């Protein structure tokens, strides 16, 4: 298995430390895997170029990554 380095804001890191029972590496690993599966599914689409362009849009990424499910973790 390959290791990567991930930068996290100090405030987020402090909050993460409060919940040491959470396996954060596993959580991030699953999020990355889910996104890859979504991209692979898109690659099969005849409109894949326009879809990837949409994904690259900063506003779309913010909307996609900063959603209600993500905000649930703010209070965990």
PDB file of N, CA and C in Angstrom:
ATOM      1  N   UNK A   1       0.850  -1.170   0.000  1.00  0.00           N
ATOM      2  CA  UNK A   1       0.000   0.000   0.000  1.00  0.00           C
ATOM      3  C   UNK A   1       0.898   1.236   0.000  1.00  0.00           C
ATOM      4  N   UNK A   2       0.487   2.236  -0.765  1.00  0.00           N
ATOM      5  CA  UNK A   2       1.234   3.480  -0.872  1.00  0.00           C
ATOM      6  C   UNK A   2       0.724   4.495   0.136  1.00  0.00           C
ATOM      7  N   UNK A   3       1.625   5.289   0.669  1.00  0.00           N
ATOM      8  CA  UNK A   3       1.256   6.359   1.598  1.00  0.00           C
ATOM      9  C   UNK A   3       1.232   7.680   0.859  1.00  0.00           C
ATOM     10  N   UNK A   4       0.332   8.577   1.286  1.00  0.00           N
ATOM     11  CA  UNK A   4       0.302   9.940   0.768  1.00  0.00           C
ATOM     12  C   UNK A   4       0.266  10.894   1.953  1.00  0.00           C
ATOM     13  N   UNK A   5       0.636  12.135   1.700  1.00  0.00           N
ATOM     14  CA  UNK A   5       0.569  13.162   2.738  1.00  0.00           C
ATOM     15  C   UNK A   5      -0.626  14.047   2.439  1.00  0.00           C
ATOM     16  N   UNK A   6      -1.367  14.354   3.470  1.00  0.00           N
ATOM     17  CA  UNK A   6      -2.571  15.160   3.328  1.00  0.00           C
ATOM     18  C   UNK A   6      -2.471  16.345   4.269  1.00  0.00           C
ATOM     19  N   UNK A   7      -2.663  17.546   3.742  1.00  0.00           N
ATOM     20  CA  UNK A   7      -2.637  18.744   4.582  1.00  0.00           C
ATOM     21  C   UNK A   7      -4.036  19.018   5.116  1.00  0.00           C
ATOM     22  N   UNK A   8      -4.102  19.286   6.417  1.00  0.00           N
ATOM     23  CA  UNK A   8      -5.368  19.559   7.094  1.00  0.00           C
ATOM     24  C   UNK A   8      -5.194  20.846   7.890  1.00  0.00           C
ATOM     25  N   UNK A   9      -6.202  21.697   7.872  1.00  0.00           N
ATOM     26  CA  UNK A   9      -6.143  22.906   8.701  1.00  0.00           C
ATOM     27  C   UNK A   9      -5.947  22.511  10.163  1.00  0.00           C
ATOM     28  N   UNK A  10      -5.239  23.352  10.898  1.00  0.00           N
ATOM     29  CA  UNK A  10      -4.958  23.063  12.305  1.00  0.00           C
ATOM     30  C   UNK A  10      -6.231  22.863  13.121  1.00  0.00           C
ATOM     31  N   UNK A  11      -7.230  23.687  12.862  1.00  0.00           N
ATOM     32  CA  UNK A  11      -8.489  23.569  13.610  1.00  0.00           C
ATOM     33  C   UNK A  11      -9.173  22.227  13.326  1.00  0.00           C
ATOM     34  N   UNK A  12      -9.148  21.826  12.093  1.00  0.00           N
ATOM     35  CA  UNK A  12      -9.751  20.533  11.735  1.00  0.00           C
ATOM     36  C   UNK A  12      -8.982  19.411  12.416  1.00  0.00           C
ATOM     37  N   UNK A  13      -7.672  19.507  12.410  1.00  0.00           N
ATOM     38  CA  UNK A  13      -6.850  18.473  13.041  1.00  0.00           C
ATOM     39  C   UNK A  13      -7.146  18.370  14.537  1.00  0.00           C
ATOM     40  N   UNK A  14      -7.293  19.499  15.188  1.00  0.00           N
ATOM     41  CA  UNK A  14      -7.624  19.478  16.621  1.00  0.00           C
ATOM     42  C   UNK A  14      -8.945  18.769  16.867  1.00  0.00           C
ATOM     43  N   UNK A  15      -9.910  19.049  16.004  1.00  0.00           N
ATOM     44  CA  UNK A  15     -11.206  18.387  16.133  1.00  0.00           C
ATOM     45  C   UNK A  15     -11.094  16.892  15.862  1.00  0.00           C
ATOM     46  N   UNK A  16     -10.298  16.531  14.886  1.00  0.00           N
ATOM     47  CA  UNK A  16     -10.112  15.113  14.571  1.00  0.00           C
ATOM     48  C   UNK A  16      -9.508  14.371  15.762  1.00  0.00           C
ATOM     49  N   UNK A  17      -8.565  15.007  16.432  1.00  0.00           N
ATOM     50  CA  UNK A  17      -7.902  14.355  17.564  1.00  0.00           C
ATOM     51  C   UNK A  17      -8.868  14.052  18.695  1.00  0.00           C
ATOM     52  N   UNK A  18      -9.930  14.846  18.794  1.00  0.00           N
ATOM     53  CA  UNK A  18     -10.927  14.604  19.832  1.00  0.00           C
ATOM     54  C   UNK A  18     -11.629  13.263  19.628  1.00  0.00           C
ATOM     55  N   UNK A  19     -11.617  12.792  18.397  1.00  0.00           N
ATOM     56  CA  UNK A  19     -12.324  11.560  18.055  1.00  0.00           C
ATOM     57  C   UNK A  19     -11.333  10.503  17.586  1.00  0.00           C
ATOM     58  N   UNK A  20     -10.460  10.142  18.475  1.00  0.00           N
ATOM     59  CA  UNK A  20      -9.385   9.212  18.133  1.00  0.00           C
ATOM     60  C   UNK A  20      -9.899   7.810  17.782  1.00  0.00           C
ATOM     61  N   UNK A  21     -11.139   7.526  18.154  1.00  0.00           N
ATOM     62  CA  UNK A  21     -11.689   6.214  17.820  1.00  0.00           C
ATOM     63  C   UNK A  21     -12.003   6.081  16.327  1.00  0.00           C
ATOM     64  N   UNK A  22     -12.102   7.222  15.635  1.00  0.00           N
ATOM     65  CA  UNK A  22     -12.349   7.194  14.195  1.00  0.00           C
ATOM     66  C   UNK A  22     -11.043   6.871  13.488  1.00  0.00           C
ATOM     67  N   UNK A  23     -11.097   5.939  12.585  1.00  0.00           N
ATOM     68  CA  UNK A  23      -9.920   5.603  11.775  1.00  0.00           C
ATOM     69  C   UNK A  23      -9.926   6.543  10.571  1.00  0.00           C
ATOM     70  N   UNK A  24      -9.300   7.702  10.746  1.00  0.00           N
ATOM     71  CA  UNK A  24      -9.366   8.752   9.738  1.00  0.00           C
ATOM     72  C   UNK A  24      -8.747   8.327   8.418  1.00  0.00           C
ATOM     73  N   UNK A  25      -7.687   7.559   8.468  1.00  0.00           N
ATOM     74  CA  UNK A  25      -7.073   7.097   7.219  1.00  0.00           C
ATOM     75  C   UNK A  25      -8.055   6.248   6.425  1.00  0.00           C
ATOM     76  N   UNK A  26      -8.755   5.383   7.115  1.00  0.00           N
ATOM     77  CA  UNK A  26      -9.742   4.533   6.449  1.00  0.00           C
ATOM     78  C   UNK A  26     -10.889   5.371   5.892  1.00  0.00           C
ATOM     79  N   UNK A  27     -11.326   6.357   6.647  1.00  0.00           N
ATOM     80  CA  UNK A  27     -12.387   7.252   6.191  1.00  0.00           C
ATOM     81  C   UNK A  27     -11.977   7.956   4.894  1.00  0.00           C
ATOM     82  N   UNK A  28     -10.793   8.528   4.868  1.00  0.00           N
ATOM     83  CA  UNK A  28     -10.315   9.233   3.676  1.00  0.00           C
ATOM     84  C   UNK A  28     -10.117   8.261   2.529  1.00  0.00           C
ATOM     85  N   UNK A  29      -9.581   7.091   2.820  1.00  0.00           N
ATOM     86  CA  UNK A  29      -9.371   6.064   1.794  1.00  0.00           C
ATOM     87  C   UNK A  29     -10.694   5.725   1.098  1.00  0.00           C
ATOM     88  N   UNK A  30     -11.754   5.566   1.884  1.00  0.00           N
ATOM     89  CA  UNK A  30     -13.062   5.226   1.310  1.00  0.00           C
ATOM     90  C   UNK A  30     -13.620   6.387   0.488  1.00  0.00           C
ATOM     91  N   UNK A  31     -13.414   7.613   0.936  1.00  0.00           N
ATOM     92  CA  UNK A  31     -13.877   8.779   0.166  1.00  0.00           C
ATOM     93  C   UNK A  31     -13.169   8.844  -1.187  1.00  0.00           C
ATOM     94  N   UNK A  32     -11.874   8.627  -1.175  1.00  0.00           N
ATOM     95  CA  UNK A  32     -11.102   8.652  -2.420  1.00  0.00           C
ATOM     96  C   UNK A  32     -11.570   7.524  -3.342  1.00  0.00           C
ATOM     97  N   UNK A  33     -11.757   6.346  -2.794  1.00  0.00           N
ATOM     98  CA  UNK A  33     -12.200   5.213  -3.609  1.00  0.00           C
ATOM     99  C   UNK A  33     -13.562   5.493  -4.235  1.00  0.00           C
ATOM    100  N   UNK A  34     -14.463   6.074  -3.469  1.00  0.00           N
ATOM    101  CA  UNK A  34     -15.791   6.403  -3.995  1.00  0.00           C
ATOM    102  C   UNK A  34     -15.677   7.384  -5.157  1.00  0.00           C
ATOM    103  N   UNK A  35     -14.846   8.408  -4.999  1.00  0.00           N
ATOM    104  CA  UNK A  35     -14.680   9.403  -6.062  1.00  0.00           C
ATOM    105  C   UNK A  35     -14.083   8.771  -7.312  1.00  0.00           C
ATOM    106  N   UNK A  36     -13.120   7.891  -7.142  1.00  0.00           N
ATOM    107  CA  UNK A  36     -12.519   7.210  -8.289  1.00  0.00           C
ATOM    108  C   UNK A  36     -13.562   6.383  -9.019  1.00  0.00           C
ATOM    109  N   UNK A  37     -14.396   5.678  -8.278  1.00  0.00           N
ATOM    110  CA  UNK A  37     -15.456   4.882  -8.907  1.00  0.00           C
ATOM    111  C   UNK A  37     -16.410   5.778  -9.692  1.00  0.00           C
ATOM    112  N   UNK A  38     -16.704   6.957  -9.155  1.00  0.00           N
ATOM    113  CA  UNK A  38     -17.560   7.901  -9.882  1.00  0.00           C
ATOM    114  C   UNK A  38     -16.883   8.349 -11.172  1.00  0.00           C
ATOM    115  N   UNK A  39     -15.595   8.670 -11.110  1.00  0.00           N
ATOM    116  CA  UNK A  39     -14.860   9.084 -12.304  1.00  0.00           C
ATOM    117  C   UNK A  39     -14.804   7.955 -13.338  1.00  0.00           C
ATOM    118  N   UNK A  40     -14.572   6.754 -12.887  1.00  0.00           N
ATOM    119  CA  UNK A  40     -14.516   5.625 -13.818  1.00  0.00           C
ATOM    120  C   UNK A  40     -15.862   5.413 -14.506  1.00  0.00           C
ATOM    121  N   UNK A  41     -16.921   5.639 -13.767  1.00  0.00           N
ATOM    122  CA  UNK A  41     -18.254   5.532 -14.354  1.00  0.00           C
ATOM    123  C   UNK A  41     -18.458   6.626 -15.408  1.00  0.00           C
ATOM    124  N   UNK A  42     -17.975   7.827 -15.100  1.00  0.00           N
ATOM    125  CA  UNK A  42     -18.089   8.947 -16.045  1.00  0.00           C
ATOM    126  C   UNK A  42     -17.284   8.670 -17.307  1.00  0.00           C
ATOM    127  N   UNK A  43     -16.122   8.051 -17.150  1.00  0.00           N
ATOM    128  CA  UNK A  43     -15.265   7.772 -18.303  1.00  0.00           C
ATOM    129  C   UNK A  43     -15.977   6.929 -19.356  1.00  0.00           C
ATOM    130  N   UNK A  44     -16.946   6.180 -18.938  1.00  0.00           N
ATOM    131  CA  UNK A  44     -17.694   5.332 -19.868  1.00  0.00           C
ATOM    132  C   UNK A  44     -18.770   6.117 -20.611  1.00  0.00           C
ATOM    133  N   UNK A  45     -19.004   7.350 -20.183  1.00  0.00           N
ATOM    134  CA  UNK A  45     -20.049   8.183 -20.776  1.00  0.00           C
ATOM    135  C   UNK A  45     -19.560   8.810 -22.081  1.00  0.00           C
ATOM    136  N   UNK A  46     -20.460   8.915 -23.075  1.00  0.00           N
ATOM    137  CA  UNK A  46     -20.058   9.574 -24.325  1.00  0.00           C
ATOM    138  C   UNK A  46     -19.799  11.075 -24.132  1.00  0.00           C
ATOM    139  N   UNK A  47     -20.285  11.651 -23.045  1.00  0.00           N
ATOM    140  CA  UNK A  47     -20.085  13.081 -22.760  1.00  0.00           C
ATOM    141  C   UNK A  47     -18.991  13.303 -21.722  1.00  0.00           C
ATOM    142  N   UNK A  48     -18.074  12.382 -21.620  1.00  0.00           N
ATOM    143  CA  UNK A  48     -17.109  12.430 -20.518  1.00  0.00           C
ATOM    144  C   UNK A  48     -16.278  13.711 -20.492  1.00  0.00           C
ATOM    145  N   UNK A  49     -15.902  14.265 -21.641  1.00  0.00           N
ATOM    146  CA  UNK A  49     -15.078  15.477 -21.633  1.00  0.00           C
ATOM    147  C   UNK A  49     -15.812  16.640 -20.996  1.00  0.00           C
ATOM    148  N   UNK A  50     -17.068  16.824 -21.331  1.00  0.00           N
ATOM    149  CA  UNK A  50     -17.812  17.931 -20.737  1.00  0.00           C
ATOM    150  C   UNK A  50     -18.100  17.671 -19.260  1.00  0.00           C
ATOM    151  N   UNK A  51     -18.280  16.422 -18.898  1.00  0.00           N
ATOM    152  CA  UNK A  51     -18.528  16.093 -17.490  1.00  0.00           C
ATOM    153  C   UNK A  51     -17.285  16.371 -16.658  1.00  0.00           C
ATOM    154  N   UNK A  52     -16.096  15.982 -17.164  1.00  0.00           N
ATOM    155  CA  UNK A  52     -14.866  16.248 -16.416  1.00  0.00           C
ATOM    156  C   UNK A  52     -14.592  17.740 -16.323  1.00  0.00           C
ATOM    157  N   UNK A  53     -14.930  18.490 -17.359  1.00  0.00           N
ATOM    158  CA  UNK A  53     -14.772  19.939 -17.302  1.00  0.00           C
ATOM    159  C   UNK A  53     -15.655  20.513 -16.199  1.00  0.00           C
ATOM    160  N   UNK A  54     -16.875  20.006 -16.110  1.00  0.00           N
ATOM    161  CA  UNK A  54     -17.783  20.449 -15.057  1.00  0.00           C
ATOM    162  C   UNK A  54     -17.194  20.131 -13.689  1.00  0.00           C
ATOM    163  N   UNK A  55     -16.647  18.928 -13.523  1.00  0.00           N
ATOM    164  CA  UNK A  55     -16.058  18.551 -12.242  1.00  0.00           C
ATOM    165  C   UNK A  55     -14.883  19.440 -11.884  1.00  0.00           C
ATOM    166  N   UNK A  56     -14.183  19.937 -12.879  1.00  0.00           N
ATOM    167  CA  UNK A  56     -13.002  20.764 -12.626  1.00  0.00           C
ATOM    168  C   UNK A  56     -13.379  22.174 -12.180  1.00  0.00           C
ATOM    169  N   UNK A  57     -14.613  22.559 -12.386  1.00  0.00           N
ATOM    170  CA  UNK A  57     -15.064  23.878 -11.989  1.00  0.00           C
ATOM    171  C   UNK A  57     -14.988  24.017 -10.471  1.00  0.00           C
ATOM    172  N   UNK A  58     -14.386  25.079 -10.011  1.00  0.00           N
ATOM    173  CA  UNK A  58     -14.216  25.293  -8.568  1.00  0.00           C
ATOM    174  C   UNK A  58     -15.557  25.318  -7.845  1.00  0.00           C
ATOM    175  N   UNK A  59     -16.543  25.969  -8.442  1.00  0.00           N
ATOM    176  CA  UNK A  59     -17.848  26.044  -7.794  1.00  0.00           C
ATOM    177  C   UNK A  59     -18.510  24.684  -7.694  1.00  0.00           C
ATOM    178  N   UNK A  60     -18.381  23.890  -8.730  1.00  0.00           N
ATOM    179  CA  UNK A  60     -18.972  22.553  -8.701  1.00  0.00           C
ATOM    180  C   UNK A  60     -18.274  21.707  -7.650  1.00  0.00           C
ATOM    181  N   UNK A  61     -16.948  21.799  -7.587  1.00  0.00           N
ATOM    182  CA  UNK A  61     -16.217  21.020  -6.588  1.00  0.00           C
ATOM    183  C   UNK A  61     -16.616  21.440  -5.186  1.00  0.00           C
ATOM    184  N   UNK A  62     -16.724  22.717  -4.952  1.00  0.00           N
ATOM    185  CA  UNK A  62     -17.112  23.189  -3.622  1.00  0.00           C
ATOM    186  C   UNK A  62     -18.501  22.667  -3.271  1.00  0.00           C
ATOM    187  N   UNK A  63     -19.421  22.781  -4.211  1.00  0.00           N
ATOM    188  CA  UNK A  63     -20.782  22.304  -3.958  1.00  0.00           C
ATOM    189  C   UNK A  63     -20.778  20.804  -3.700  1.00  0.00           C
ATOM    190  N   UNK A  64     -19.991  20.075  -4.480  1.00  0.00           N
ATOM    191  CA  UNK A  64     -19.972  18.623  -4.376  1.00  0.00           C
ATOM    192  C   UNK A  64     -19.309  18.153  -3.086  1.00  0.00           C
ATOM    193  N   UNK A  65     -18.222  18.804  -2.694  1.00  0.00           N
ATOM    194  CA  UNK A  65     -17.477  18.355  -1.519  1.00  0.00           C
ATOM    195  C   UNK A  65     -17.981  18.986  -0.225  1.00  0.00           C
ATOM    196  N   UNK A  66     -18.556  20.159  -0.312  1.00  0.00           N
ATOM    197  CA  UNK A  66     -19.055  20.841   0.881  1.00  0.00           C
ATOM    198  C   UNK A  66     -20.573  20.709   0.896  1.00  0.00           C
ATOM    199  N   UNK A  67     -21.028  19.559   1.332  1.00  0.00           N
ATOM    200  CA  UNK A  67     -22.460  19.305   1.300  1.00  0.00           C
ATOM    201  C   UNK A  67     -22.950  18.895   2.684  1.00  0.00           C
ATOM    202  N   UNK A  68     -24.212  18.615   2.786  1.00  0.00           N
ATOM    203  CA  UNK A  68     -24.831  18.293   4.069  1.00  0.00           C
ATOM    204  C   UNK A  68     -24.173  17.087   4.725  1.00  0.00           C
ATOM    205  N   UNK A  69     -23.814  16.076   3.947  1.00  0.00           N
ATOM    206  CA  UNK A  69     -23.166  14.900   4.527  1.00  0.00           C
ATOM    207  C   UNK A  69     -21.828  15.270   5.141  1.00  0.00           C
ATOM    208  N   UNK A  70     -21.087  16.148   4.477  1.00  0.00           N
ATOM    209  CA  UNK A  70     -19.806  16.590   5.026  1.00  0.00           C
ATOM    210  C   UNK A  70     -20.006  17.387   6.311  1.00  0.00           C
ATOM    211  N   UNK A  71     -21.012  18.233   6.338  1.00  0.00           N
ATOM    212  CA  UNK A  71     -21.250  19.078   7.513  1.00  0.00           C
ATOM    213  C   UNK A  71     -21.635  18.253   8.732  1.00  0.00           C
ATOM    214  N   UNK A  72     -22.147  17.061   8.532  1.00  0.00           N
ATOM    215  CA  UNK A  72     -22.459  16.209   9.686  1.00  0.00           C
ATOM    216  C   UNK A  72     -21.199  15.930  10.499  1.00  0.00           C
ATOM    217  N   UNK A  73     -20.039  15.889   9.841  1.00  0.00           N
ATOM    218  CA  UNK A  73     -18.781  15.603  10.531  1.00  0.00           C
ATOM    219  C   UNK A  73     -18.317  16.792  11.367  1.00  0.00           C
ATOM    220  N   UNK A  74     -18.849  17.985  11.092  1.00  0.00           N
ATOM    221  CA  UNK A  74     -18.439  19.164  11.855  1.00  0.00           C
ATOM    222  C   UNK A  74     -18.793  19.016  13.334  1.00  0.00           C
ATOM    223  N   UNK A  75     -19.802  18.261  13.631  1.00  0.00           N
ATOM    224  CA  UNK A  75     -20.280  18.118  15.013  1.00  0.00           C
ATOM    225  C   UNK A  75     -19.988  16.761  15.626  1.00  0.00           C
ATOM    226  N   UNK A  76     -19.207  15.961  14.943  1.00  0.00           N
ATOM    227  CA  UNK A  76     -18.906  14.620  15.469  1.00  0.00           C
ATOM    228  C   UNK A  76     -17.822  14.701  16.500  1.00  0.00           C
TER     229      UNK A  76
END
